Structure formats: C-alpha cells, structure tokens
Amino acid sequence: MQNLIAVLLLTLASGYLLLKWMPAAAKEKIRAFSVSYIPALAPLFAKVAQKTAGCGSGCSNCSSSSNDTCSTSSELKPVKLIRNASNQR
C-alpha cells in the first residue's frame, strides 16, 4: 500500500513539473485535446491560462504583455565570469 501511495505521489509531482515547464504551445494542444473529451474541464483550463499569461508564461513574447517587469534588449547587462584561482590546476 505504501508503494502505491509513493508511486501516485511521484506521478502527480512529475506531471505537475512537466506541465509547469512545458512550452505554452504544447500546453494549448493538451488543453484543446482534454476539453474535446471532457468539456467540464474548460473553465478550469481557462483559469489556468489567465494566471500564466504574461511575461513568464514561456511564450517568449513580452510585447503582448502589459507587465512592466519584462526585460527588453536595452535592459540586458553583460555577464562577467570570474574564475577561482584555487580551482585551477
């Protein structure tokens, strides 16, 4: 019984992580497929789509977002790499 519960929890956690990091286009395809078979899920998916819309939704299109935290190319700063002398051999 404990193994079944552990497998269930790991499956749910993996599914959540997969959906969280999945590109927006793939999420939309899954949403359309799921809603075609179970129409009662449509309101749930609509709420999730509204929450994830914006700059951090994975669509790589900040121009359609009204969020001011989106970085543009003029705001990018260079990265300076610093090597630790004790790690060099």
N, C-alpha and C. Protein backbone atom coordinates (compact mmCIF):
# COMPACT_ATOMS: atom_id res chain seq x y z
N MET A 1 0.82 -1.19 0.00
CA MET A 1 0.00 0.00 0.00
C MET A 1 0.87 1.26 0.00
N GLN A 2 1.97 1.23 0.76
CA GLN A 2 2.87 2.38 0.80
C GLN A 2 3.52 2.61 -0.56
N ASN A 3 3.85 1.53 -1.24
CA ASN A 3 4.44 1.68 -2.57
C ASN A 3 3.46 2.32 -3.54
N LEU A 4 2.21 1.96 -3.45
CA LEU A 4 1.19 2.53 -4.33
C LEU A 4 1.04 4.03 -4.07
N ILE A 5 1.03 4.42 -2.82
CA ILE A 5 0.93 5.84 -2.46
C ILE A 5 2.16 6.60 -2.94
N ALA A 6 3.33 6.01 -2.78
CA ALA A 6 4.57 6.66 -3.22
C ALA A 6 4.58 6.84 -4.74
N VAL A 7 4.16 5.82 -5.47
CA VAL A 7 4.12 5.90 -6.93
C VAL A 7 3.11 6.95 -7.36
N LEU A 8 1.97 7.01 -6.70
CA LEU A 8 0.95 8.01 -7.02
C LEU A 8 1.47 9.42 -6.79
N LEU A 9 2.12 9.65 -5.65
CA LEU A 9 2.67 10.98 -5.37
C LEU A 9 3.76 11.37 -6.36
N LEU A 10 4.65 10.45 -6.70
CA LEU A 10 5.70 10.74 -7.67
C LEU A 10 5.13 11.01 -9.05
N THR A 11 4.08 10.28 -9.42
CA THR A 11 3.44 10.50 -10.72
C THR A 11 2.79 11.89 -10.78
N LEU A 12 2.09 12.25 -9.72
CA LEU A 12 1.46 13.57 -9.67
C LEU A 12 2.50 14.69 -9.68
N ALA A 13 3.58 14.52 -8.92
CA ALA A 13 4.63 15.54 -8.89
C ALA A 13 5.32 15.66 -10.25
N SER A 14 5.58 14.54 -10.89
CA SER A 14 6.21 14.58 -12.22
C SER A 14 5.30 15.24 -13.25
N GLY A 15 4.02 14.92 -13.19
CA GLY A 15 3.06 15.54 -14.11
C GLY A 15 2.98 17.04 -13.91
N TYR A 16 2.96 17.47 -12.65
CA TYR A 16 2.92 18.91 -12.35
C TYR A 16 4.17 19.60 -12.89
N LEU A 17 5.33 19.02 -12.63
CA LEU A 17 6.58 19.61 -13.09
C LEU A 17 6.63 19.66 -14.62
N LEU A 18 6.18 18.60 -15.25
CA LEU A 18 6.17 18.55 -16.71
C LEU A 18 5.28 19.66 -17.28
N LEU A 19 4.09 19.82 -16.72
CA LEU A 19 3.18 20.85 -17.21
C LEU A 19 3.68 22.26 -16.89
N LYS A 20 4.37 22.41 -15.78
CA LYS A 20 4.87 23.73 -15.40
C LYS A 20 5.95 24.21 -16.37
N TRP A 21 6.83 23.33 -16.78
CA TRP A 21 7.96 23.71 -17.62
C TRP A 21 7.72 23.48 -19.11
N MET A 22 6.54 23.00 -19.47
CA MET A 22 6.22 22.73 -20.87
C MET A 22 5.97 24.05 -21.61
N PRO A 23 6.36 24.15 -22.88
CA PRO A 23 6.09 25.36 -23.66
C PRO A 23 4.59 25.62 -23.77
N ALA A 24 4.23 26.89 -23.93
CA ALA A 24 2.83 27.30 -23.97
C ALA A 24 2.08 26.65 -25.14
N ALA A 25 2.73 26.46 -26.27
CA ALA A 25 2.06 25.85 -27.42
C ALA A 25 1.67 24.41 -27.13
N ALA A 26 2.55 23.67 -26.47
CA ALA A 26 2.23 22.29 -26.12
C ALA A 26 1.12 22.23 -25.07
N LYS A 27 1.13 23.17 -24.12
CA LYS A 27 0.05 23.22 -23.13
C LYS A 27 -1.29 23.48 -23.81
N GLU A 28 -1.29 24.35 -24.81
CA GLU A 28 -2.52 24.66 -25.52
C GLU A 28 -3.05 23.43 -26.26
N LYS A 29 -2.16 22.65 -26.85
CA LYS A 29 -2.59 21.43 -27.54
C LYS A 29 -3.19 20.43 -26.56
N ILE A 30 -2.56 20.29 -25.39
CA ILE A 30 -3.09 19.39 -24.37
C ILE A 30 -4.44 19.89 -23.88
N ARG A 31 -4.57 21.20 -23.69
CA ARG A 31 -5.83 21.78 -23.24
C ARG A 31 -6.93 21.51 -24.25
N ALA A 32 -6.67 21.74 -25.52
CA ALA A 32 -7.67 21.53 -26.57
C ALA A 32 -8.07 20.06 -26.65
N PHE A 33 -7.10 19.17 -26.55
CA PHE A 33 -7.39 17.74 -26.60
C PHE A 33 -8.22 17.31 -25.40
N SER A 34 -7.86 17.77 -24.21
CA SER A 34 -8.58 17.39 -22.99
C SER A 34 -10.00 17.93 -22.99
N VAL A 35 -10.17 19.18 -23.42
CA VAL A 35 -11.50 19.80 -23.41
C VAL A 35 -12.41 19.14 -24.44
N SER A 36 -11.85 18.62 -25.53
CA SER A 36 -12.69 17.97 -26.53
C SER A 36 -13.30 16.68 -25.98
N TYR A 37 -12.61 16.00 -25.06
CA TYR A 37 -13.13 14.77 -24.47
C TYR A 37 -13.91 15.02 -23.18
N ILE A 38 -13.51 16.00 -22.39
CA ILE A 38 -14.17 16.30 -21.12
C ILE A 38 -14.46 17.81 -21.09
N PRO A 39 -15.61 18.23 -21.61
CA PRO A 39 -15.93 19.66 -21.68
C PRO A 39 -16.00 20.34 -20.31
N ALA A 40 -16.23 19.60 -19.26
CA ALA A 40 -16.31 20.20 -17.92
C ALA A 40 -14.97 20.79 -17.48
N LEU A 41 -13.88 20.41 -18.13
CA LEU A 41 -12.55 20.94 -17.77
C LEU A 41 -12.28 22.32 -18.36
N ALA A 42 -13.11 22.78 -19.28
CA ALA A 42 -12.87 24.06 -19.95
C ALA A 42 -12.73 25.23 -18.99
N PRO A 43 -13.61 25.40 -17.98
CA PRO A 43 -13.44 26.52 -17.06
C PRO A 43 -12.14 26.43 -16.26
N LEU A 44 -11.75 25.23 -15.89
CA LEU A 44 -10.50 25.05 -15.14
C LEU A 44 -9.31 25.47 -15.98
N PHE A 45 -9.27 25.04 -17.23
CA PHE A 45 -8.15 25.40 -18.10
C PHE A 45 -8.15 26.89 -18.41
N ALA A 46 -9.31 27.52 -18.49
CA ALA A 46 -9.38 28.95 -18.75
C ALA A 46 -8.77 29.74 -17.60
N LYS A 47 -9.03 29.31 -16.36
CA LYS A 47 -8.45 29.98 -15.19
C LYS A 47 -6.94 29.83 -15.18
N VAL A 48 -6.46 28.65 -15.51
CA VAL A 48 -5.01 28.41 -15.52
C VAL A 48 -4.35 29.23 -16.62
N ALA A 49 -4.99 29.34 -17.79
CA ALA A 49 -4.41 30.11 -18.89
C ALA A 49 -4.33 31.58 -18.54
N GLN A 50 -5.31 32.11 -17.81
CA GLN A 50 -5.27 33.51 -17.42
C GLN A 50 -4.18 33.77 -16.40
N LYS A 51 -3.93 32.83 -15.51
CA LYS A 51 -2.89 33.01 -14.49
C LYS A 51 -1.50 32.98 -15.10
N THR A 52 -1.31 32.16 -16.13
CA THR A 52 0.03 32.02 -16.69
C THR A 52 0.31 32.99 -17.81
N ALA A 53 -0.66 33.76 -18.24
CA ALA A 53 -0.42 34.70 -19.33
C ALA A 53 0.49 35.82 -18.85
N GLY A 54 1.36 36.25 -19.70
CA GLY A 54 2.27 37.33 -19.34
C GLY A 54 3.69 37.00 -19.72
N CYS A 55 4.58 37.67 -19.09
CA CYS A 55 5.97 37.56 -19.47
C CYS A 55 6.59 36.22 -19.09
N GLY A 56 6.16 35.61 -18.03
CA GLY A 56 6.77 34.36 -17.59
C GLY A 56 6.03 33.13 -18.04
N SER A 57 5.17 33.24 -19.04
CA SER A 57 4.36 32.10 -19.43
C SER A 57 5.08 31.15 -20.37
N GLY A 58 6.26 31.50 -20.82
CA GLY A 58 7.01 30.61 -21.68
C GLY A 58 6.73 30.82 -23.16
N CYS A 59 5.98 31.86 -23.51
CA CYS A 59 5.65 32.08 -24.91
C CYS A 59 6.73 32.89 -25.63
N SER A 60 7.67 33.47 -24.88
CA SER A 60 8.75 34.28 -25.43
C SER A 60 8.24 35.48 -26.21
N ASN A 61 7.14 36.04 -25.79
CA ASN A 61 6.58 37.19 -26.48
C ASN A 61 6.13 38.20 -25.44
N CYS A 62 7.02 39.04 -24.99
CA CYS A 62 6.69 40.03 -23.97
C CYS A 62 5.99 41.24 -24.55
N SER A 63 5.96 41.38 -25.87
CA SER A 63 5.34 42.56 -26.46
C SER A 63 3.83 42.58 -26.23
N SER A 64 3.21 41.41 -26.08
CA SER A 64 1.77 41.37 -25.85
C SER A 64 1.43 41.49 -24.38
N SER A 65 2.42 41.50 -23.52
CA SER A 65 2.18 41.56 -22.09
C SER A 65 2.15 43.00 -21.62
N SER A 66 1.27 43.27 -20.67
CA SER A 66 1.23 44.60 -20.07
C SER A 66 2.11 44.67 -18.84
N ASN A 67 2.84 43.61 -18.58
CA ASN A 67 3.69 43.52 -17.40
C ASN A 67 4.96 44.34 -17.62
N ASP A 68 5.26 45.27 -16.72
CA ASP A 68 6.43 46.13 -16.87
C ASP A 68 7.74 45.47 -16.44
N THR A 69 7.67 44.26 -15.91
CA THR A 69 8.89 43.60 -15.45
C THR A 69 9.60 42.86 -16.57
N CYS A 70 9.03 42.86 -17.77
CA CYS A 70 9.67 42.18 -18.89
C CYS A 70 10.94 42.93 -19.28
N SER A 71 11.99 42.19 -19.51
CA SER A 71 13.24 42.85 -19.88
C SER A 71 13.32 42.96 -21.40
N THR A 72 13.78 44.07 -21.85
CA THR A 72 13.99 44.27 -23.27
C THR A 72 15.49 44.22 -23.55
N SER A 73 15.85 44.26 -24.80
CA SER A 73 17.27 44.14 -25.14
C SER A 73 18.08 45.32 -24.61
N SER A 74 17.45 46.48 -24.42
CA SER A 74 18.19 47.64 -23.91
C SER A 74 18.49 47.52 -22.42
N GLU A 75 17.77 46.62 -21.71
CA GLU A 75 17.98 46.45 -20.29
C GLU A 75 18.96 45.33 -19.96
N LEU A 76 19.42 44.60 -20.96
CA LEU A 76 20.31 43.47 -20.72
C LEU A 76 21.68 43.97 -20.28
N LYS A 77 22.26 43.25 -19.33
CA LYS A 77 23.58 43.62 -18.82
C LYS A 77 24.56 42.48 -19.10
N PRO A 78 25.82 42.82 -19.33
CA PRO A 78 26.80 41.76 -19.61
C PRO A 78 27.09 40.93 -18.37
N VAL A 79 27.47 39.69 -18.60
CA VAL A 79 27.82 38.78 -17.52
C VAL A 79 29.34 38.67 -17.46
N LYS A 80 29.91 38.87 -16.29
CA LYS A 80 31.35 38.77 -16.11
C LYS A 80 31.65 37.45 -15.41
N LEU A 81 32.46 36.61 -16.05
CA LEU A 81 32.84 35.34 -15.48
C LEU A 81 34.12 35.51 -14.67
N ILE A 82 34.12 35.05 -13.45
CA ILE A 82 35.28 35.17 -12.57
C ILE A 82 35.72 33.77 -12.19
N ARG A 83 36.97 33.44 -12.47
CA ARG A 83 37.49 32.13 -12.13
C ARG A 83 38.15 32.17 -10.75
N ASN A 84 37.91 31.13 -10.01
CA ASN A 84 38.51 30.99 -8.71
C ASN A 84 39.91 30.38 -8.91
N ALA A 85 40.96 31.08 -8.48
CA ALA A 85 42.34 30.64 -8.72
C ALA A 85 42.65 29.34 -8.01
N SER A 86 41.98 29.03 -6.90
CA SER A 86 42.29 27.81 -6.16
C SER A 86 41.77 26.57 -6.87
N ASN A 87 40.81 26.70 -7.80
CA ASN A 87 40.27 25.56 -8.51
C ASN A 87 41.01 25.24 -9.80
N GLN A 88 41.91 26.11 -10.23
CA GLN A 88 42.66 25.87 -11.45
C GLN A 88 43.82 24.95 -11.18
N ARG A 89 44.07 24.02 -12.09
CA ARG A 89 45.19 23.08 -11.92
C ARG A 89 46.11 23.15 -13.08
